[in-house]
C-alpha atoms as a PDB file:
ATOM      1  CA  MET A   1     -61.326  54.418 284.130  1.00  0.00           C
ATOM      2  CA  LYS A   2     -58.184  52.256 284.773  1.00  0.00           C
ATOM      3  CA  PHE A   3     -60.302  49.473 285.907  1.00  0.00           C
ATOM      4  CA  MET A   4     -62.533  49.628 282.601  1.00  0.00           C
ATOM      5  CA  ALA A   5     -59.306  49.562 280.585  1.00  0.00           C
ATOM      6  CA  ILE A   6     -57.851  46.644 282.328  1.00  0.00           C
ATOM      7  CA  MET A   7     -61.387  44.825 281.968  1.00  0.00           C
ATOM      8  CA  ASN A   8     -61.450  45.614 278.575  1.00  0.00           C
ATOM      9  CA  LEU A   9     -57.842  44.395 277.825  1.00  0.00           C
ATOM     10  CA  SER A  10     -58.328  41.054 279.407  1.00  0.00           C
ATOM     11  CA  LEU A  11     -61.659  40.438 277.713  1.00  0.00           C
ATOM     12  CA  ALA A  12     -59.718  41.055 274.319  1.00  0.00           C
ATOM     13  CA  ILE A  13     -56.825  38.614 275.313  1.00  0.00           C
ATOM     14  CA  PHE A  14     -59.388  36.055 276.362  1.00  0.00           C
ATOM     15  CA  ASN A  15     -61.466  36.323 273.159  1.00  0.00           C
ATOM     16  CA  MET A  16     -58.449  35.822 271.041  1.00  0.00           C
ATOM     17  CA  LEU A  17     -57.576  32.472 272.693  1.00  0.00           C
ATOM     18  CA  PRO A  18     -57.510  29.542 270.025  1.00  0.00           C
ATOM     19  CA  ILE A  19     -60.687  27.995 271.614  1.00  0.00           C
ATOM     20  CA  PRO A  20     -62.976  27.283 268.516  1.00  0.00           C
ATOM     21  CA  PRO A  21     -66.101  29.299 269.749  1.00  0.00           C
ATOM     22  CA  LEU A  22     -63.942  32.478 270.231  1.00  0.00           C
ATOM     23  CA  ASP A  23     -62.679  34.604 267.548  1.00  0.00           C
ATOM     24  CA  GLY A  24     -59.019  33.336 268.003  1.00  0.00           C
ATOM     25  CA  GLY A  25     -60.414  29.793 267.275  1.00  0.00           C
ATOM     26  CA  LYS A  26     -62.096  30.867 264.173  1.00  0.00           C
ATOM     27  CA  VAL A  27     -59.136  32.727 263.082  1.00  0.00           C
ATOM     28  CA  ALA A  28     -57.041  29.493 263.654  1.00  0.00           C
ATOM     29  CA  LEU A  29     -59.349  27.114 261.749  1.00  0.00           C
ATOM     30  CA  ASN A  30     -59.702  29.693 258.857  1.00  0.00           C
ATOM     31  CA  ALA A  31     -55.801  29.822 258.727  1.00  0.00           C
ATOM     32  CA  LEU A  32     -55.695  25.818 258.777  1.00  0.00           C
ATOM     33  CA  MET A  33     -58.370  25.727 256.016  1.00  0.00           C
ATOM     34  CA  ALA A  34     -56.490  28.100 253.899  1.00  0.00           C
ATOM     35  CA  VAL A  35     -53.325  25.893 254.022  1.00  0.00           C
ATOM     36  CA  SER A  36     -55.120  22.713 253.632  1.00  0.00           C
ATOM     37  CA  PRO A  37     -58.911  22.340 252.532  1.00  0.00           C
ATOM     38  CA  GLU A  38     -59.033  18.879 254.272  1.00  0.00           C
ATOM     39  CA  PHE A  39     -59.452  20.974 257.782  1.00  0.00           C
ATOM     40  CA  GLY A  40     -62.908  22.166 256.393  1.00  0.00           C
ATOM     41  CA  GLU A  41     -64.611  18.998 257.344  1.00  0.00           C
ATOM     42  CA  LEU A  42     -63.081  19.254 261.001  1.00  0.00           C
ATOM     43  CA  TYR A  43     -64.469  22.888 261.339  1.00  0.00           C
ATOM     44  CA  TYR A  44     -67.871  22.054 263.069  1.00  0.00           C
ATOM     45  CA  PRO A  45     -66.788  19.169 265.228  1.00  0.00           C
ATOM     46  CA  ALA A  46     -63.877  21.218 266.363  1.00  0.00           C
ATOM     47  CA  HIS A  47     -66.375  24.286 266.839  1.00  0.00           C
ATOM     48  CA  ALA A  48     -68.774  22.053 268.969  1.00  0.00           C
ATOM     49  CA  PHE A  49     -65.835  20.400 271.063  1.00  0.00           C
ATOM     50  CA  GLY A  50     -64.644  23.962 271.681  1.00  0.00           C
ATOM     51  CA  TRP A  51     -67.799  25.215 272.762  1.00  0.00           C
ATOM     52  CA  LEU A  52     -68.198  22.063 275.269  1.00  0.00           C
ATOM     53  CA  ILE A  53     -64.928  22.925 276.843  1.00  0.00           C
ATOM     54  CA  LEU A  54     -65.834  26.407 277.271  1.00  0.00           C
ATOM     55  CA  MET A  55     -69.295  25.759 278.803  1.00  0.00           C
ATOM     56  CA  GLY A  56     -67.230  23.172 281.100  1.00  0.00           C
ATOM     57  CA  LEU A  57     -65.019  26.203 282.155  1.00  0.00           C
ATOM     58  CA  ILE A  58     -67.918  28.437 282.958  1.00  0.00           C
ATOM     59  CA  VAL A  59     -69.724  25.744 285.032  1.00  0.00           C
ATOM     60  CA  TYR A  60     -66.415  24.799 286.891  1.00  0.00           C
ATOM     61  CA  ALA A  61     -65.742  28.553 287.745  1.00  0.00           C
ATOM     62  CA  THR A  62     -69.368  28.919 288.891  1.00  0.00           C
ATOM     63  CA  VAL A  63     -69.409  25.738 291.127  1.00  0.00           C
ATOM     64  CA  ASN A  64     -65.879  26.778 292.408  1.00  0.00           C
ATOM     65  CA  ASP A  65     -67.070  30.395 293.279  1.00  0.00           C
ATOM     66  CA  LEU A  66     -70.454  29.119 294.855  1.00  0.00           C
ATOM     67  CA  GLY A  67     -68.082  26.612 296.998  1.00  0.00           C
ATOM     68  CA  ARG A  68     -66.370  29.703 298.351  1.00  0.00           C
ATOM     69  CA  ILE A  69     -69.365  31.566 299.134  1.00  0.00           C
ATOM     70  CA  LEU A  70     -71.027  28.823 300.845  1.00  0.00           C
END
């Protein structure tokens, strides 16, 4: 039960990071658009760039783990 609680908490913290594809990034971009509407045109490029960063992080972690196994 303690392990599940720690995993749930760490997932919630990771999800709220201000990386655009995650919920924290969407909150941050929406807050910027509320302050200044000019940020609205940056929403989709920022989302795509954040998605690429996130996928790169996943690939890096996978390659790093496979390198340790092999």
